[in-house]
Amino acid sequence: MEPAVLLIFAFLSALLGCVLLAVTQIRHWKTLFGPRAEPGHVRVARTMGWSLIAMSLVLCVLRDGASFGALLWPLTLAVAAFCTAMMLAYRPQWLKPLADLFAQAR
């Protein structure tokens, strides 16, 4: 697979993982669903979030080997975390469809 494609997948995996971890926090959940909203399936979302972050590490190592992949991964994770923070600050409605997947059925 092309190195650029692996890097894009590593970034998207890290971004989705960060978003899933962020929306499971009570503060962000209430931003998305209102002040009286109860958190949904938090354990599933957190497990998926951590799994996606680990997958981004695997993709970075596959792309560049253990030495540079281990350096590339925290940089990729930092950019993904920054993008997640900006989405939560300025466009939280972009994250609502993803959070809806983990909302409890009423």
C-alpha atoms as a PDB file:
ATOM      1  CA  MET A   1       0.000   0.000   0.000  1.00  0.00           C
ATOM      2  CA  GLU A   2       1.181   3.530  -0.710  1.00  0.00           C
ATOM      3  CA  PRO A   3       2.878   5.324   2.216  1.00  0.00           C
ATOM      4  CA  ALA A   4       0.639   8.372   1.777  1.00  0.00           C
ATOM      5  CA  VAL A   5      -2.480   6.220   2.039  1.00  0.00           C
ATOM      6  CA  LEU A   6      -1.174   4.580   5.228  1.00  0.00           C
ATOM      7  CA  LEU A   7      -0.492   8.004   6.729  1.00  0.00           C
ATOM      8  CA  ILE A   8      -3.991   9.217   5.848  1.00  0.00           C
ATOM      9  CA  PHE A   9      -5.534   6.093   7.392  1.00  0.00           C
ATOM     10  CA  ALA A  10      -3.336   6.506  10.487  1.00  0.00           C
ATOM     11  CA  PHE A  11      -4.493  10.105  10.886  1.00  0.00           C
ATOM     12  CA  LEU A  12      -8.155   9.267  10.324  1.00  0.00           C
ATOM     13  CA  SER A  13      -7.934   6.409  12.795  1.00  0.00           C
ATOM     14  CA  ALA A  14      -6.354   8.688  15.408  1.00  0.00           C
ATOM     15  CA  LEU A  15      -8.910  11.415  14.714  1.00  0.00           C
ATOM     16  CA  LEU A  16     -11.882   9.083  15.042  1.00  0.00           C
ATOM     17  CA  GLY A  17     -10.389   7.589  18.197  1.00  0.00           C
ATOM     18  CA  CYS A  18      -9.912  11.026  19.756  1.00  0.00           C
ATOM     19  CA  VAL A  19     -13.440  12.045  18.818  1.00  0.00           C
ATOM     20  CA  LEU A  20     -14.900   8.896  20.358  1.00  0.00           C
ATOM     21  CA  LEU A  21     -12.958   9.454  23.568  1.00  0.00           C
ATOM     22  CA  ALA A  22     -14.021  13.092  23.674  1.00  0.00           C
ATOM     23  CA  VAL A  23     -17.745  12.542  23.164  1.00  0.00           C
ATOM     24  CA  THR A  24     -17.832  10.021  26.030  1.00  0.00           C
ATOM     25  CA  GLN A  25     -16.942  12.758  28.491  1.00  0.00           C
ATOM     26  CA  ILE A  26     -19.983  14.092  30.337  1.00  0.00           C
ATOM     27  CA  ARG A  27     -19.250  17.725  29.491  1.00  0.00           C
ATOM     28  CA  HIS A  28     -19.064  17.110  25.754  1.00  0.00           C
ATOM     29  CA  TRP A  29     -22.005  14.701  25.813  1.00  0.00           C
ATOM     30  CA  LYS A  30     -24.179  17.416  27.380  1.00  0.00           C
ATOM     31  CA  THR A  31     -22.954  19.908  24.766  1.00  0.00           C
ATOM     32  CA  LEU A  32     -24.166  17.589  22.033  1.00  0.00           C
ATOM     33  CA  PHE A  33     -27.424  16.347  23.568  1.00  0.00           C
ATOM     34  CA  GLY A  34     -28.499  18.962  26.107  1.00  0.00           C
ATOM     35  CA  PRO A  35     -28.045  19.494  29.844  1.00  0.00           C
ATOM     36  CA  ARG A  36     -30.307  16.636  30.967  1.00  0.00           C
ATOM     37  CA  ALA A  37     -28.935  14.022  28.584  1.00  0.00           C
ATOM     38  CA  GLU A  38     -27.679  10.757  30.014  1.00  0.00           C
ATOM     39  CA  PRO A  39     -24.499   9.299  28.511  1.00  0.00           C
ATOM     40  CA  GLY A  40     -25.008   6.412  26.162  1.00  0.00           C
ATOM     41  CA  HIS A  41     -22.863   3.343  25.687  1.00  0.00           C
ATOM     42  CA  VAL A  42     -19.706   4.902  27.064  1.00  0.00           C
ATOM     43  CA  ARG A  43     -17.749   1.685  27.558  1.00  0.00           C
ATOM     44  CA  VAL A  44     -18.197   0.611  23.932  1.00  0.00           C
ATOM     45  CA  ALA A  45     -17.262   4.050  22.590  1.00  0.00           C
ATOM     46  CA  ARG A  46     -14.172   4.286  24.797  1.00  0.00           C
ATOM     47  CA  THR A  47     -13.030   0.798  23.838  1.00  0.00           C
ATOM     48  CA  MET A  48     -13.449   1.647  20.165  1.00  0.00           C
ATOM     49  CA  GLY A  49     -11.644   4.968  20.664  1.00  0.00           C
ATOM     50  CA  TRP A  50      -8.622   3.363  22.296  1.00  0.00           C
ATOM     51  CA  SER A  51      -8.614   0.607  19.681  1.00  0.00           C
ATOM     52  CA  LEU A  52      -8.575   3.154  16.868  1.00  0.00           C
ATOM     53  CA  ILE A  53      -5.715   5.050  18.503  1.00  0.00           C
ATOM     54  CA  ALA A  54      -3.777   1.776  18.799  1.00  0.00           C
ATOM     55  CA  MET A  55      -4.577   1.056  15.149  1.00  0.00           C
ATOM     56  CA  SER A  56      -3.037   4.387  14.185  1.00  0.00           C
ATOM     57  CA  LEU A  57       0.174   3.299  15.951  1.00  0.00           C
ATOM     58  CA  VAL A  58       0.193   0.058  13.990  1.00  0.00           C
ATOM     59  CA  LEU A  59      -0.332   1.935  10.723  1.00  0.00           C
ATOM     60  CA  CYS A  60       2.480   4.383  11.505  1.00  0.00           C
ATOM     61  CA  VAL A  61       4.851   1.512  12.290  1.00  0.00           C
ATOM     62  CA  LEU A  62       3.825  -0.328   9.128  1.00  0.00           C
ATOM     63  CA  ARG A  63       4.453   2.816   7.105  1.00  0.00           C
ATOM     64  CA  ASP A  64       7.882   3.800   8.441  1.00  0.00           C
ATOM     65  CA  GLY A  65       9.199   1.016  10.650  1.00  0.00           C
ATOM     66  CA  ALA A  66       9.516   0.944  14.414  1.00  0.00           C
ATOM     67  CA  SER A  67      12.003   3.797  14.825  1.00  0.00           C
ATOM     68  CA  PHE A  68      10.371   6.551  12.789  1.00  0.00           C
ATOM     69  CA  GLY A  69       6.839   5.142  13.169  1.00  0.00           C
ATOM     70  CA  ALA A  70       7.142   5.519  16.939  1.00  0.00           C
ATOM     71  CA  LEU A  71       8.068   9.169  16.372  1.00  0.00           C
ATOM     72  CA  LEU A  72       5.395   9.795  13.758  1.00  0.00           C
ATOM     73  CA  TRP A  73       2.577   8.377  15.881  1.00  0.00           C
ATOM     74  CA  PRO A  74       2.620  10.989  18.710  1.00  0.00           C
ATOM     75  CA  LEU A  75       2.812  13.747  16.117  1.00  0.00           C
ATOM     76  CA  THR A  76      -0.177  12.295  14.282  1.00  0.00           C
ATOM     77  CA  LEU A  77      -2.011  11.899  17.582  1.00  0.00           C
ATOM     78  CA  ALA A  78      -1.276  15.512  18.545  1.00  0.00           C
ATOM     79  CA  VAL A  79      -2.726  16.821  15.280  1.00  0.00           C
ATOM     80  CA  ALA A  80      -5.779  14.583  15.686  1.00  0.00           C
ATOM     81  CA  ALA A  81      -6.305  15.794  19.263  1.00  0.00           C
ATOM     82  CA  PHE A  82      -6.002  19.417  18.139  1.00  0.00           C
ATOM     83  CA  CYS A  83      -8.544  18.867  15.355  1.00  0.00           C
ATOM     84  CA  THR A  84     -10.894  17.208  17.841  1.00  0.00           C
ATOM     85  CA  ALA A  85     -10.583  20.144  20.232  1.00  0.00           C
ATOM     86  CA  MET A  86     -11.301  22.625  17.452  1.00  0.00           C
ATOM     87  CA  MET A  87     -14.359  20.667  16.322  1.00  0.00           C
ATOM     88  CA  LEU A  88     -15.662  20.563  19.893  1.00  0.00           C
ATOM     89  CA  ALA A  89     -15.052  24.277  20.316  1.00  0.00           C
ATOM     90  CA  TYR A  90     -16.371  25.609  17.017  1.00  0.00           C
ATOM     91  CA  ARG A  91     -18.470  22.919  15.301  1.00  0.00           C
ATOM     92  CA  PRO A  92     -19.771  20.424  17.881  1.00  0.00           C
ATOM     93  CA  GLN A  93     -22.749  19.629  15.657  1.00  0.00           C
ATOM     94  CA  TRP A  94     -20.333  17.850  13.276  1.00  0.00           C
ATOM     95  CA  LEU A  95     -19.775  15.237  15.996  1.00  0.00           C
ATOM     96  CA  LYS A  96     -23.445  14.641  16.791  1.00  0.00           C
ATOM     97  CA  PRO A  97     -24.038  11.952  14.109  1.00  0.00           C
ATOM     98  CA  LEU A  98     -21.160   9.912  15.519  1.00  0.00           C
ATOM     99  CA  ALA A  99     -22.353  10.391  19.087  1.00  0.00           C
ATOM    100  CA  ASP A 100     -25.876   9.365  18.021  1.00  0.00           C
ATOM    101  CA  LEU A 101     -24.512   5.895  17.291  1.00  0.00           C
ATOM    102  CA  PHE A 102     -23.721   5.480  20.982  1.00  0.00           C
ATOM    103  CA  ALA A 103     -26.725   7.268  22.465  1.00  0.00           C
ATOM    104  CA  GLN A 104     -29.075   5.191  24.540  1.00  0.00           C
ATOM    105  CA  ALA A 105     -32.378   4.300  22.931  1.00  0.00           C
ATOM    106  CA  ARG A 106     -35.151   6.143  24.714  1.00  0.00           C
END
